[in-house]
Structure formats: structure tokens, C-alpha cells
Amino acid sequence: MDQRKILLVDDEPGVRFVLSAVLEQSGYAVDQADDGFAALRKIQQSKPDLVITDLRMPNMNGFELLFEIRTRFPEIPCIAISGEFLTVAAQQGPLADAFFQKGNYEVREFLERVSELLAGPRKSLPEHSAISPVWTPTNDGPVMLTCTKCLHSFPIEVCAGGEPPNQTECMFCGELLNIRLFAVGTAASDD
């Protein structure tokens, strides 16, 4: 059986080094990219079985990369990892099949999720999912919302107290998104 190929995308060399070592020790072939543009070039040259990406990177960030993968290569499962954003980890979002917060997950749990995503065909999302993740920053930075219709992510203004508004329009397609807060640091949208 051929070795499964994973593309790891992160602008921090130390993170790429550690995660590559963990994945290679588990029997995966790992390729690396330091931003979304480099990742897309690698995907076009040789399609990986799975993409793992950071969200905040220079040039093309992880939100943009995930949008491009979902649009152009929807069969590739994706994992988002971020130390700067939180999202609803328990639910499948339109951009990533799984989400892990840097420094806040067990390696065993991470490897189990990688194995699950590689075990079978990627589960397709409904054409217009009702859940749209709000990506909240762990430090100063914009709160990001992913539109369930066009899959673009964009920054949104927050209300007093740091919570997202009840509704907002997608700045790309104009879709009206109703936002529902799940818990501190995580939110989703119904439409």
C-alpha cells in the first residue's frame, strides 16, 4: 500500500518541523509549505491525501487557502490548526473537516482524526450548510466569519462585550447570516 501524503502548511518552521516528525513517525509522507500560495502550487503538482494548515500566515492565509481547496479540490480533507483563532471544534464547518487549537490538544487525538479523515471518502457538505463558524481571536485581531453560501471568510465587527452581532451580510455574496453564540470563544451562524 502506498504511503498517504499529507501537506503541512504553516509559516512557523518550528511547527512544521515538530508536526512533520510526528506525522512521519506515524508512517505518513509529509510535504511542507510556508503559505497558501506555496501550498496551492504543491497541490497542483501532486495532490495530497490531506491538508493541514495554520490560519494566520503571510501572503495567502489559511482561510483563503481553505476556500481555494474547497472550491477547486473539494475531495481533499482539511484540518485547520491555529493558536490565534478558536472555533466550534465539535461541529464540521464549511472550510475545515477538523479544527485543533495549537498547544491545546493531545497528539493521540490529532493522529486519530488524521487517520479517520484518511480512512474513507470525504463526507460532502450540504450545498448550503446551516452552520457557519465564527473564528474568534485568542489575542487582538479580527473576528472572522465564514459564509455558508460562498465559503469566503471575512472580518466582522463585534458588539460591546466582544460578541459578534446577531446578523451580518457576507461581504462577498451578500448572503444574510444569522449568528448564534454557542459558548465563550466559539460561535456559529444559522441562515
N, C-alpha and C. Protein backbone atom coordinates (compact mmCIF):
# COMPACT_ATOMS: atom_id res chain seq x y z
N MET A 1 0.84 -1.19 0.00
CA MET A 1 0.00 0.00 0.00
C MET A 1 0.88 1.25 0.00
N ASP A 2 0.49 2.24 -0.82
CA ASP A 2 1.25 3.48 -0.89
C ASP A 2 1.13 4.27 0.40
N GLN A 3 2.19 5.01 0.68
CA GLN A 3 2.19 5.87 1.85
C GLN A 3 1.24 7.05 1.60
N ARG A 4 0.40 7.40 2.57
CA ARG A 4 -0.53 8.51 2.43
C ARG A 4 0.24 9.82 2.51
N LYS A 5 -0.10 10.78 1.63
CA LYS A 5 0.61 12.06 1.54
C LYS A 5 -0.16 13.17 2.25
N ILE A 6 0.55 13.87 3.12
CA ILE A 6 -0.04 14.99 3.86
C ILE A 6 0.74 16.25 3.53
N LEU A 7 0.01 17.33 3.22
CA LEU A 7 0.64 18.63 3.01
C LEU A 7 0.42 19.46 4.27
N LEU A 8 1.52 19.89 4.87
CA LEU A 8 1.51 20.67 6.11
C LEU A 8 1.85 22.12 5.76
N VAL A 9 0.95 23.05 6.09
CA VAL A 9 1.12 24.46 5.72
C VAL A 9 1.16 25.31 6.97
N ASP A 10 2.30 25.93 7.24
CA ASP A 10 2.46 26.81 8.40
C ASP A 10 3.66 27.70 8.15
N ASP A 11 3.57 28.96 8.54
CA ASP A 11 4.70 29.88 8.32
C ASP A 11 5.76 29.76 9.41
N GLU A 12 5.50 28.99 10.46
CA GLU A 12 6.48 28.81 11.53
C GLU A 12 7.28 27.53 11.28
N PRO A 13 8.59 27.65 10.99
CA PRO A 13 9.41 26.47 10.72
C PRO A 13 9.41 25.46 11.87
N GLY A 14 9.38 25.93 13.11
CA GLY A 14 9.39 25.03 14.26
C GLY A 14 8.14 24.16 14.32
N VAL A 15 6.99 24.76 14.01
CA VAL A 15 5.74 24.00 14.00
C VAL A 15 5.78 22.96 12.89
N ARG A 16 6.25 23.36 11.70
CA ARG A 16 6.35 22.41 10.59
C ARG A 16 7.28 21.27 10.95
N PHE A 17 8.39 21.56 11.59
CA PHE A 17 9.37 20.54 11.96
C PHE A 17 8.76 19.52 12.92
N VAL A 18 8.11 20.01 13.98
CA VAL A 18 7.55 19.11 15.00
C VAL A 18 6.41 18.28 14.44
N LEU A 19 5.45 18.93 13.76
CA LEU A 19 4.31 18.18 13.22
C LEU A 19 4.75 17.19 12.14
N SER A 20 5.72 17.59 11.32
CA SER A 20 6.23 16.66 10.30
C SER A 20 6.83 15.43 10.95
N ALA A 21 7.60 15.63 12.01
CA ALA A 21 8.22 14.50 12.71
C ALA A 21 7.16 13.57 13.28
N VAL A 22 6.12 14.14 13.89
CA VAL A 22 5.04 13.34 14.47
C VAL A 22 4.34 12.53 13.38
N LEU A 23 4.01 13.19 12.27
CA LEU A 23 3.29 12.52 11.18
C LEU A 23 4.16 11.48 10.48
N GLU A 24 5.43 11.79 10.25
CA GLU A 24 6.33 10.84 9.59
C GLU A 24 6.56 9.62 10.47
N GLN A 25 6.66 9.83 11.79
CA GLN A 25 6.84 8.71 12.72
C GLN A 25 5.61 7.79 12.70
N SER A 26 4.46 8.35 12.33
CA SER A 26 3.22 7.57 12.23
C SER A 26 3.04 6.94 10.86
N GLY A 27 4.04 7.10 9.97
CA GLY A 27 4.01 6.42 8.68
C GLY A 27 3.52 7.23 7.50
N TYR A 28 3.31 8.54 7.68
CA TYR A 28 2.83 9.37 6.58
C TYR A 28 3.99 10.05 5.85
N ALA A 29 3.81 10.29 4.57
CA ALA A 29 4.76 11.10 3.79
C ALA A 29 4.29 12.54 3.93
N VAL A 30 5.19 13.44 4.34
CA VAL A 30 4.81 14.82 4.62
C VAL A 30 5.56 15.77 3.69
N ASP A 31 4.81 16.65 3.04
CA ASP A 31 5.37 17.75 2.28
C ASP A 31 5.02 19.02 3.04
N GLN A 32 5.80 20.09 2.84
CA GLN A 32 5.58 21.30 3.61
C GLN A 32 5.48 22.52 2.70
N ALA A 33 4.72 23.53 3.17
CA ALA A 33 4.64 24.83 2.51
C ALA A 33 4.54 25.88 3.60
N ASP A 34 5.08 27.08 3.33
CA ASP A 34 5.08 28.12 4.36
C ASP A 34 3.98 29.16 4.18
N ASP A 35 3.16 29.05 3.13
CA ASP A 35 1.98 29.91 3.00
C ASP A 35 1.02 29.28 2.00
N GLY A 36 -0.13 29.90 1.83
CA GLY A 36 -1.15 29.35 0.97
C GLY A 36 -0.77 29.28 -0.50
N PHE A 37 -0.03 30.27 -0.99
CA PHE A 37 0.39 30.25 -2.40
C PHE A 37 1.29 29.05 -2.68
N ALA A 38 2.26 28.85 -1.81
CA ALA A 38 3.17 27.71 -1.97
C ALA A 38 2.40 26.40 -1.87
N ALA A 39 1.42 26.35 -0.98
CA ALA A 39 0.61 25.13 -0.82
C ALA A 39 -0.19 24.84 -2.09
N LEU A 40 -0.80 25.86 -2.68
CA LEU A 40 -1.57 25.64 -3.91
C LEU A 40 -0.69 25.14 -5.05
N ARG A 41 0.52 25.69 -5.16
CA ARG A 41 1.45 25.19 -6.19
C ARG A 41 1.76 23.72 -5.96
N LYS A 42 1.99 23.33 -4.72
CA LYS A 42 2.29 21.92 -4.41
C LYS A 42 1.08 21.03 -4.69
N ILE A 43 -0.13 21.49 -4.36
CA ILE A 43 -1.34 20.71 -4.62
C ILE A 43 -1.52 20.49 -6.12
N GLN A 44 -1.24 21.51 -6.92
CA GLN A 44 -1.37 21.37 -8.37
C GLN A 44 -0.34 20.41 -8.95
N GLN A 45 0.86 20.36 -8.35
CA GLN A 45 1.91 19.46 -8.83
C GLN A 45 1.62 18.02 -8.43
N SER A 46 1.20 17.81 -7.19
CA SER A 46 0.95 16.46 -6.68
C SER A 46 -0.09 16.55 -5.58
N LYS A 47 -1.30 16.10 -5.87
CA LYS A 47 -2.41 16.24 -4.94
C LYS A 47 -2.17 15.39 -3.69
N PRO A 48 -2.21 16.03 -2.49
CA PRO A 48 -2.06 15.26 -1.25
C PRO A 48 -3.36 14.56 -0.87
N ASP A 49 -3.27 13.64 0.07
CA ASP A 49 -4.45 12.96 0.59
C ASP A 49 -5.13 13.76 1.69
N LEU A 50 -4.38 14.70 2.29
CA LEU A 50 -4.90 15.52 3.39
C LEU A 50 -4.08 16.79 3.47
N VAL A 51 -4.73 17.91 3.82
CA VAL A 51 -4.02 19.18 4.04
C VAL A 51 -4.24 19.60 5.48
N ILE A 52 -3.15 19.98 6.15
CA ILE A 52 -3.21 20.54 7.50
C ILE A 52 -2.65 21.94 7.39
N THR A 53 -3.44 22.94 7.80
CA THR A 53 -2.98 24.32 7.63
C THR A 53 -3.22 25.19 8.85
N ASP A 54 -2.30 26.11 9.05
CA ASP A 54 -2.47 27.19 10.01
C ASP A 54 -3.46 28.18 9.39
N LEU A 55 -4.03 29.06 10.18
CA LEU A 55 -4.96 30.05 9.65
C LEU A 55 -4.30 31.40 9.40
N ARG A 56 -3.43 31.83 10.31
CA ARG A 56 -2.79 33.14 10.13
C ARG A 56 -1.40 32.94 9.56
N MET A 57 -1.24 33.35 8.30
CA MET A 57 0.05 33.27 7.60
C MET A 57 0.17 34.47 6.68
N PRO A 58 1.39 34.85 6.32
CA PRO A 58 1.55 35.95 5.36
C PRO A 58 1.16 35.52 3.95
N ASN A 59 1.07 36.47 3.07
CA ASN A 59 0.76 36.26 1.65
C ASN A 59 -0.65 35.73 1.47
N MET A 60 -0.86 34.42 1.45
CA MET A 60 -2.21 33.85 1.42
C MET A 60 -2.44 33.12 2.73
N ASN A 61 -3.42 33.60 3.51
CA ASN A 61 -3.64 32.98 4.82
C ASN A 61 -4.41 31.67 4.70
N GLY A 62 -4.61 31.01 5.84
CA GLY A 62 -5.28 29.71 5.85
C GLY A 62 -6.74 29.77 5.46
N PHE A 63 -7.44 30.86 5.79
CA PHE A 63 -8.84 31.00 5.38
C PHE A 63 -8.94 31.00 3.86
N GLU A 64 -8.07 31.77 3.22
CA GLU A 64 -8.08 31.85 1.75
C GLU A 64 -7.68 30.52 1.14
N LEU A 65 -6.67 29.87 1.72
CA LEU A 65 -6.24 28.57 1.22
C LEU A 65 -7.37 27.54 1.32
N LEU A 66 -8.04 27.48 2.47
CA LEU A 66 -9.13 26.53 2.65
C LEU A 66 -10.27 26.81 1.66
N PHE A 67 -10.55 28.08 1.41
CA PHE A 67 -11.58 28.42 0.42
C PHE A 67 -11.18 27.88 -0.96
N GLU A 68 -9.93 28.07 -1.35
CA GLU A 68 -9.45 27.59 -2.66
C GLU A 68 -9.51 26.07 -2.74
N ILE A 69 -9.12 25.40 -1.67
CA ILE A 69 -9.16 23.93 -1.67
C ILE A 69 -10.61 23.46 -1.78
N ARG A 70 -11.52 24.04 -1.01
CA ARG A 70 -12.93 23.63 -1.06
C ARG A 70 -13.54 23.88 -2.43
N THR A 71 -13.10 24.95 -3.08
CA THR A 71 -13.63 25.30 -4.39
C THR A 71 -13.03 24.45 -5.50
N ARG A 72 -11.71 24.28 -5.48
CA ARG A 72 -11.00 23.62 -6.58
C ARG A 72 -10.70 22.15 -6.34
N PHE A 73 -10.57 21.74 -5.08
CA PHE A 73 -10.21 20.36 -4.75
C PHE A 73 -11.10 19.87 -3.60
N PRO A 74 -12.42 19.83 -3.77
CA PRO A 74 -13.31 19.53 -2.64
C PRO A 74 -13.14 18.12 -2.06
N GLU A 75 -12.48 17.23 -2.79
CA GLU A 75 -12.29 15.86 -2.30
C GLU A 75 -11.17 15.75 -1.27
N ILE A 76 -10.35 16.79 -1.13
CA ILE A 76 -9.23 16.74 -0.18
C ILE A 76 -9.72 17.15 1.21
N PRO A 77 -9.61 16.26 2.20
CA PRO A 77 -9.97 16.64 3.57
C PRO A 77 -8.96 17.63 4.13
N CYS A 78 -9.42 18.50 5.01
CA CYS A 78 -8.56 19.56 5.57
C CYS A 78 -8.71 19.65 7.08
N ILE A 79 -7.58 19.92 7.73
CA ILE A 79 -7.55 20.20 9.16
C ILE A 79 -6.98 21.60 9.34
N ALA A 80 -7.66 22.43 10.11
CA ALA A 80 -7.15 23.76 10.44
C ALA A 80 -6.57 23.69 11.85
N ILE A 81 -5.40 24.33 12.01
CA ILE A 81 -4.76 24.42 13.31
C ILE A 81 -4.41 25.88 13.52
N SER A 82 -4.77 26.42 14.68
CA SER A 82 -4.46 27.83 14.92
C SER A 82 -4.23 28.08 16.40
N GLY A 83 -3.28 28.93 16.68
CA GLY A 83 -3.07 29.40 18.03
C GLY A 83 -3.70 30.76 18.24
N GLU A 84 -4.20 31.36 17.14
CA GLU A 84 -4.74 32.70 17.22
C GLU A 84 -6.25 32.76 17.07
N PHE A 85 -6.87 31.66 16.66
CA PHE A 85 -8.32 31.65 16.50
C PHE A 85 -8.91 30.44 17.21
N LEU A 86 -10.15 30.58 17.65
CA LEU A 86 -10.94 29.49 18.20
C LEU A 86 -12.17 29.35 17.32
N THR A 87 -12.73 28.17 17.25
CA THR A 87 -13.99 27.97 16.54
C THR A 87 -14.74 26.82 17.16
N VAL A 88 -15.89 26.49 16.60
CA VAL A 88 -16.67 25.37 17.09
C VAL A 88 -15.97 24.10 16.67
N ALA A 89 -15.27 23.46 17.60
CA ALA A 89 -14.48 22.27 17.26
C ALA A 89 -15.35 21.03 17.13
N ALA A 90 -16.51 21.03 17.78
CA ALA A 90 -17.33 19.82 17.78
C ALA A 90 -18.15 19.65 16.51
N GLN A 91 -18.24 20.69 15.70
CA GLN A 91 -19.07 20.60 14.51
C GLN A 91 -18.21 20.78 13.27
N GLN A 92 -18.60 20.09 12.21
CA GLN A 92 -17.89 20.22 10.95
C GLN A 92 -18.27 21.55 10.33
N GLY A 93 -17.28 22.37 10.03
CA GLY A 93 -17.55 23.65 9.39
C GLY A 93 -17.39 23.53 7.89
N PRO A 94 -17.76 24.57 7.16
CA PRO A 94 -17.67 24.50 5.71
C PRO A 94 -16.24 24.50 5.17
N LEU A 95 -15.28 24.99 5.94
CA LEU A 95 -13.92 25.06 5.42
C LEU A 95 -13.04 23.91 5.86
N ALA A 96 -13.11 23.54 7.11
CA ALA A 96 -12.22 22.50 7.63
C ALA A 96 -13.02 21.33 8.17
N ASP A 97 -12.51 20.12 7.95
CA ASP A 97 -13.15 18.91 8.46
C ASP A 97 -12.86 18.72 9.93
N ALA A 98 -11.82 19.38 10.43
CA ALA A 98 -11.47 19.32 11.85
C ALA A 98 -10.69 20.58 12.20
N PHE A 99 -10.73 20.94 13.47
CA PHE A 99 -10.00 22.11 13.95
C PHE A 99 -9.31 21.76 15.25
N PHE A 100 -8.03 22.16 15.37
CA PHE A 100 -7.28 21.98 16.61
C PHE A 100 -6.64 23.30 16.98
N GLN A 101 -6.72 23.65 18.27
CA GLN A 101 -6.06 24.85 18.75
C GLN A 101 -4.63 24.50 19.13
N LYS A 102 -3.68 25.25 18.58
CA LYS A 102 -2.26 24.99 18.86
C LYS A 102 -2.01 24.98 20.36
N GLY A 103 -1.27 23.96 20.81
CA GLY A 103 -0.90 23.84 22.21
C GLY A 103 -2.03 23.39 23.12
N ASN A 104 -3.17 23.03 22.54
CA ASN A 104 -4.31 22.68 23.38
C ASN A 104 -4.99 21.40 22.88
N TYR A 105 -4.18 20.43 22.43
CA TYR A 105 -4.74 19.15 22.01
C TYR A 105 -3.71 18.05 22.26
N GLU A 106 -4.22 16.82 22.35
CA GLU A 106 -3.36 15.66 22.56
C GLU A 106 -2.90 15.13 21.20
N VAL A 107 -1.65 14.73 21.09
CA VAL A 107 -1.12 14.19 19.85
C VAL A 107 -1.91 12.95 19.43
N ARG A 108 -2.28 12.12 20.38
CA ARG A 108 -3.06 10.92 20.08
C ARG A 108 -4.38 11.28 19.41
N GLU A 109 -5.07 12.28 19.97
CA GLU A 109 -6.35 12.74 19.42
C GLU A 109 -6.16 13.29 18.00
N PHE A 110 -5.10 14.05 17.80
CA PHE A 110 -4.79 14.61 16.48
C PHE A 110 -4.54 13.50 15.47
N LEU A 111 -3.71 12.51 15.83
CA LEU A 111 -3.40 11.41 14.91
C LEU A 111 -4.63 10.55 14.62
N GLU A 112 -5.49 10.38 15.61
CA GLU A 112 -6.74 9.64 15.38
C GLU A 112 -7.61 10.35 14.35
N ARG A 113 -7.69 11.68 14.44
CA ARG A 113 -8.51 12.45 13.49
C ARG A 113 -7.89 12.39 12.09
N VAL A 114 -6.57 12.47 12.00
CA VAL A 114 -5.89 12.34 10.71
C VAL A 114 -6.24 10.99 10.10
N SER A 115 -6.14 9.92 10.90
CA SER A 115 -6.44 8.57 10.42
C SER A 115 -7.89 8.45 9.96
N GLU A 116 -8.82 9.01 10.73
CA GLU A 116 -10.24 8.97 10.35
C GLU A 116 -10.48 9.65 9.01
N LEU A 117 -9.87 10.81 8.82
CA LEU A 117 -10.08 11.57 7.58
C LEU A 117 -9.47 10.86 6.38
N LEU A 118 -8.42 10.12 6.62
CA LEU A 118 -7.77 9.39 5.52
C LEU A 118 -8.39 8.02 5.27
N ALA A 119 -9.23 7.55 6.18
CA ALA A 119 -9.78 6.20 6.10
C ALA A 119 -10.81 6.02 4.99
N GLY A 120 -11.52 7.05 4.66
CA GLY A 120 -12.57 6.89 3.66
C GLY A 120 -12.76 8.16 2.86
N PRO A 121 -13.75 8.15 2.00
CA PRO A 121 -14.00 9.34 1.20
C PRO A 121 -14.46 10.50 2.09
N ARG A 122 -14.11 11.69 1.69
CA ARG A 122 -14.51 12.88 2.44
C ARG A 122 -16.02 13.01 2.40
N LYS A 123 -16.62 13.25 3.56
CA LYS A 123 -18.06 13.46 3.63
C LYS A 123 -18.37 14.81 3.00
N SER A 124 -19.26 14.80 2.02
CA SER A 124 -19.59 16.07 1.38
C SER A 124 -20.55 16.85 2.27
N LEU A 125 -20.42 18.14 2.19
CA LEU A 125 -21.30 19.02 2.95
C LEU A 125 -22.56 19.28 2.16
N PRO A 126 -23.66 19.60 2.84
CA PRO A 126 -24.84 20.00 2.11
C PRO A 126 -24.51 21.22 1.25
N GLU A 127 -25.25 21.40 0.18
CA GLU A 127 -24.97 22.51 -0.73
C GLU A 127 -24.91 23.83 0.02
N HIS A 128 -25.76 24.01 0.99
CA HIS A 128 -25.81 25.28 1.72
C HIS A 128 -25.97 24.96 3.21
N SER A 129 -24.87 24.72 3.88
CA SER A 129 -24.88 24.32 5.29
C SER A 129 -25.47 25.42 6.17
N ALA A 130 -26.17 25.02 7.23
CA ALA A 130 -26.78 25.99 8.14
C ALA A 130 -25.79 26.50 9.18
N ILE A 131 -24.65 25.86 9.34
CA ILE A 131 -23.69 26.25 10.36
C ILE A 131 -22.50 26.93 9.70
N SER A 132 -22.21 28.13 10.16
CA SER A 132 -21.08 28.90 9.65
C SER A 132 -20.21 29.31 10.82
N PRO A 133 -18.97 28.86 10.87
CA PRO A 133 -18.17 29.17 12.05
C PRO A 133 -17.76 30.64 12.15
N VAL A 134 -17.80 31.14 13.36
CA VAL A 134 -17.20 32.42 13.68
C VAL A 134 -15.86 32.09 14.31
N TRP A 135 -14.80 32.58 13.71
CA TRP A 135 -13.45 32.33 14.20
C TRP A 135 -13.06 33.50 15.09
N THR A 136 -12.96 33.28 16.39
CA THR A 136 -12.66 34.37 17.31
C THR A 136 -11.18 34.37 17.66
N PRO A 137 -10.58 35.57 17.70
CA PRO A 137 -9.14 35.63 18.00
C PRO A 137 -8.88 35.35 19.48
N THR A 138 -7.75 34.71 19.74
CA THR A 138 -7.35 34.48 21.13
C THR A 138 -6.59 35.70 21.66
N ASN A 139 -6.04 36.50 20.77
CA ASN A 139 -5.37 37.76 21.13
C ASN A 139 -6.10 38.88 20.41
N ASP A 140 -5.46 40.02 20.29
CA ASP A 140 -6.04 41.10 19.50
C ASP A 140 -6.06 40.67 18.05
N GLY A 141 -7.11 41.00 17.37
CA GLY A 141 -7.23 40.66 15.96
C GLY A 141 -8.68 40.62 15.57
N PRO A 142 -8.94 40.45 14.29
CA PRO A 142 -10.32 40.47 13.82
C PRO A 142 -11.06 39.17 14.14
N VAL A 143 -12.36 39.29 14.38
CA VAL A 143 -13.23 38.13 14.45
C VAL A 143 -13.60 37.81 13.01
N MET A 144 -13.43 36.55 12.61
CA MET A 144 -13.67 36.15 11.23
C MET A 144 -14.92 35.29 11.16
N LEU A 145 -15.69 35.44 10.09
CA LEU A 145 -16.88 34.65 9.85
C LEU A 145 -16.73 33.98 8.50
N THR A 146 -17.10 32.71 8.40
CA THR A 146 -17.09 32.01 7.12
C THR A 146 -18.51 31.90 6.62
N CYS A 147 -18.76 32.43 5.41
CA CYS A 147 -20.09 32.39 4.81
C CYS A 147 -20.41 30.96 4.38
N THR A 148 -21.62 30.50 4.69
CA THR A 148 -22.02 29.14 4.32
C THR A 148 -22.38 29.02 2.85
N LYS A 149 -22.64 30.14 2.18
CA LYS A 149 -23.03 30.09 0.78
C LYS A 149 -21.81 30.10 -0.15
N CYS A 150 -20.93 31.10 0.02
CA CYS A 150 -19.80 31.22 -0.90
C CYS A 150 -18.49 30.69 -0.32
N LEU A 151 -18.47 30.36 0.98
CA LEU A 151 -17.31 29.81 1.70
C LEU A 151 -16.18 30.80 1.94
N HIS A 152 -16.35 32.06 1.59
CA HIS A 152 -15.33 33.06 1.89
C HIS A 152 -15.36 33.38 3.38
N SER A 153 -14.20 33.70 3.94
CA SER A 153 -14.11 34.17 5.31
C SER A 153 -13.78 35.65 5.28
N PHE A 154 -14.34 36.39 6.23
CA PHE A 154 -14.12 37.84 6.25
C PHE A 154 -14.24 38.33 7.69
N PRO A 155 -13.57 39.46 8.00
CA PRO A 155 -13.66 40.00 9.36
C PRO A 155 -15.02 40.65 9.60
N ILE A 156 -15.51 40.54 10.84
CA ILE A 156 -16.76 41.20 11.22
C ILE A 156 -16.52 42.07 12.43
N GLU A 157 -17.32 43.10 12.55
CA GLU A 157 -17.26 43.99 13.72
C GLU A 157 -17.94 43.28 14.89
N VAL A 158 -17.41 43.49 16.08
CA VAL A 158 -18.02 42.89 17.26
C VAL A 158 -18.76 43.95 18.05
N CYS A 159 -19.79 43.52 18.76
CA CYS A 159 -20.60 44.41 19.60
C CYS A 159 -19.86 44.65 20.92
N ALA A 160 -20.43 45.50 21.73
CA ALA A 160 -19.88 45.73 23.07
C ALA A 160 -19.80 44.40 23.81
N GLY A 161 -18.73 44.19 24.51
CA GLY A 161 -18.53 42.93 25.22
C GLY A 161 -17.80 41.89 24.39
N GLY A 162 -17.44 42.24 23.14
CA GLY A 162 -16.65 41.35 22.31
C GLY A 162 -17.43 40.25 21.62
N GLU A 163 -18.77 40.33 21.62
CA GLU A 163 -19.57 39.30 20.96
C GLU A 163 -19.88 39.72 19.53
N PRO A 164 -20.05 38.74 18.63
CA PRO A 164 -20.43 39.08 17.27
C PRO A 164 -21.86 39.59 17.22
N PRO A 165 -22.24 40.32 16.16
CA PRO A 165 -23.62 40.79 16.04
C PRO A 165 -24.57 39.62 15.83
N ASN A 166 -25.87 39.88 15.89
CA ASN A 166 -26.87 38.84 15.65
C ASN A 166 -26.98 38.48 14.18
N GLN A 167 -26.77 39.46 13.30
CA GLN A 167 -26.83 39.24 11.86
C GLN A 167 -25.76 40.07 11.17
N THR A 168 -25.31 39.58 10.04
CA THR A 168 -24.42 40.35 9.18
C THR A 168 -24.55 39.81 7.76
N GLU A 169 -24.19 40.64 6.80
CA GLU A 169 -24.20 40.20 5.41
C GLU A 169 -22.80 39.78 5.01
N CYS A 170 -22.71 38.75 4.17
CA CYS A 170 -21.42 38.34 3.63
C CYS A 170 -20.90 39.46 2.74
N MET A 171 -19.67 39.86 2.94
CA MET A 171 -19.11 40.95 2.15
C MET A 171 -18.77 40.51 0.72
N PHE A 172 -18.88 39.21 0.43
CA PHE A 172 -18.58 38.72 -0.91
C PHE A 172 -19.84 38.45 -1.73
N CYS A 173 -20.83 37.76 -1.13
CA CYS A 173 -22.01 37.37 -1.90
C CYS A 173 -23.30 38.05 -1.42
N GLY A 174 -23.25 38.74 -0.27
CA GLY A 174 -24.42 39.43 0.24
C GLY A 174 -25.38 38.58 1.04
N GLU A 175 -25.08 37.28 1.22
CA GLU A 175 -25.95 36.38 2.00
C GLU A 175 -26.12 36.92 3.42
N LEU A 176 -27.35 36.96 3.92
CA LEU A 176 -27.62 37.39 5.28
C LEU A 176 -27.36 36.21 6.21
N LEU A 177 -26.47 36.39 7.17
CA LEU A 177 -26.08 35.33 8.10
C LEU A 177 -26.55 35.69 9.50
N ASN A 178 -27.33 34.81 10.10
CA ASN A 178 -27.76 34.96 11.49
C ASN A 178 -26.75 34.28 12.38
N ILE A 179 -26.24 34.98 13.36
CA ILE A 179 -25.15 34.45 14.18
C ILE A 179 -25.69 34.08 15.55
N ARG A 180 -25.34 32.89 16.02
CA ARG A 180 -25.78 32.39 17.31
C ARG A 180 -24.55 32.01 18.12
N LEU A 181 -24.41 32.57 19.30
CA LEU A 181 -23.25 32.29 20.15
C LEU A 181 -23.44 30.96 20.86
N PHE A 182 -22.46 30.07 20.75
CA PHE A 182 -22.52 28.76 21.43
C PHE A 182 -21.91 28.82 22.82
N ALA A 183 -20.75 29.41 22.91
CA ALA A 183 -20.04 29.45 24.19
C ALA A 183 -18.98 30.53 24.08
N VAL A 184 -18.37 30.87 25.18
CA VAL A 184 -17.32 31.88 25.16
C VAL A 184 -16.22 31.42 24.23
N GLY A 185 -15.87 32.26 23.27
CA GLY A 185 -14.79 31.94 22.33
C GLY A 185 -15.23 31.15 21.13
N THR A 186 -16.47 30.69 21.06
CA THR A 186 -16.92 29.93 19.89
C THR A 186 -18.31 30.38 19.51
N ALA A 187 -18.60 30.34 18.22
CA ALA A 187 -19.92 30.75 17.75
C ALA A 187 -20.21 30.09 16.42
N ALA A 188 -21.45 30.15 15.99
CA ALA A 188 -21.83 29.65 14.67
C ALA A 188 -22.98 30.49 14.15
N SER A 189 -23.32 30.28 12.92
CA SER A 189 -24.36 31.07 12.28
C SER A 189 -25.43 30.17 11.70
N ASP A 190 -26.67 30.55 11.82
CA ASP A 190 -27.79 29.88 11.15
C ASP A 190 -28.26 30.78 10.04
N ASP A 191 -28.61 30.19 8.91
CA ASP A 191 -29.27 31.01 7.90
C ASP A 191 -30.42 30.29 7.30
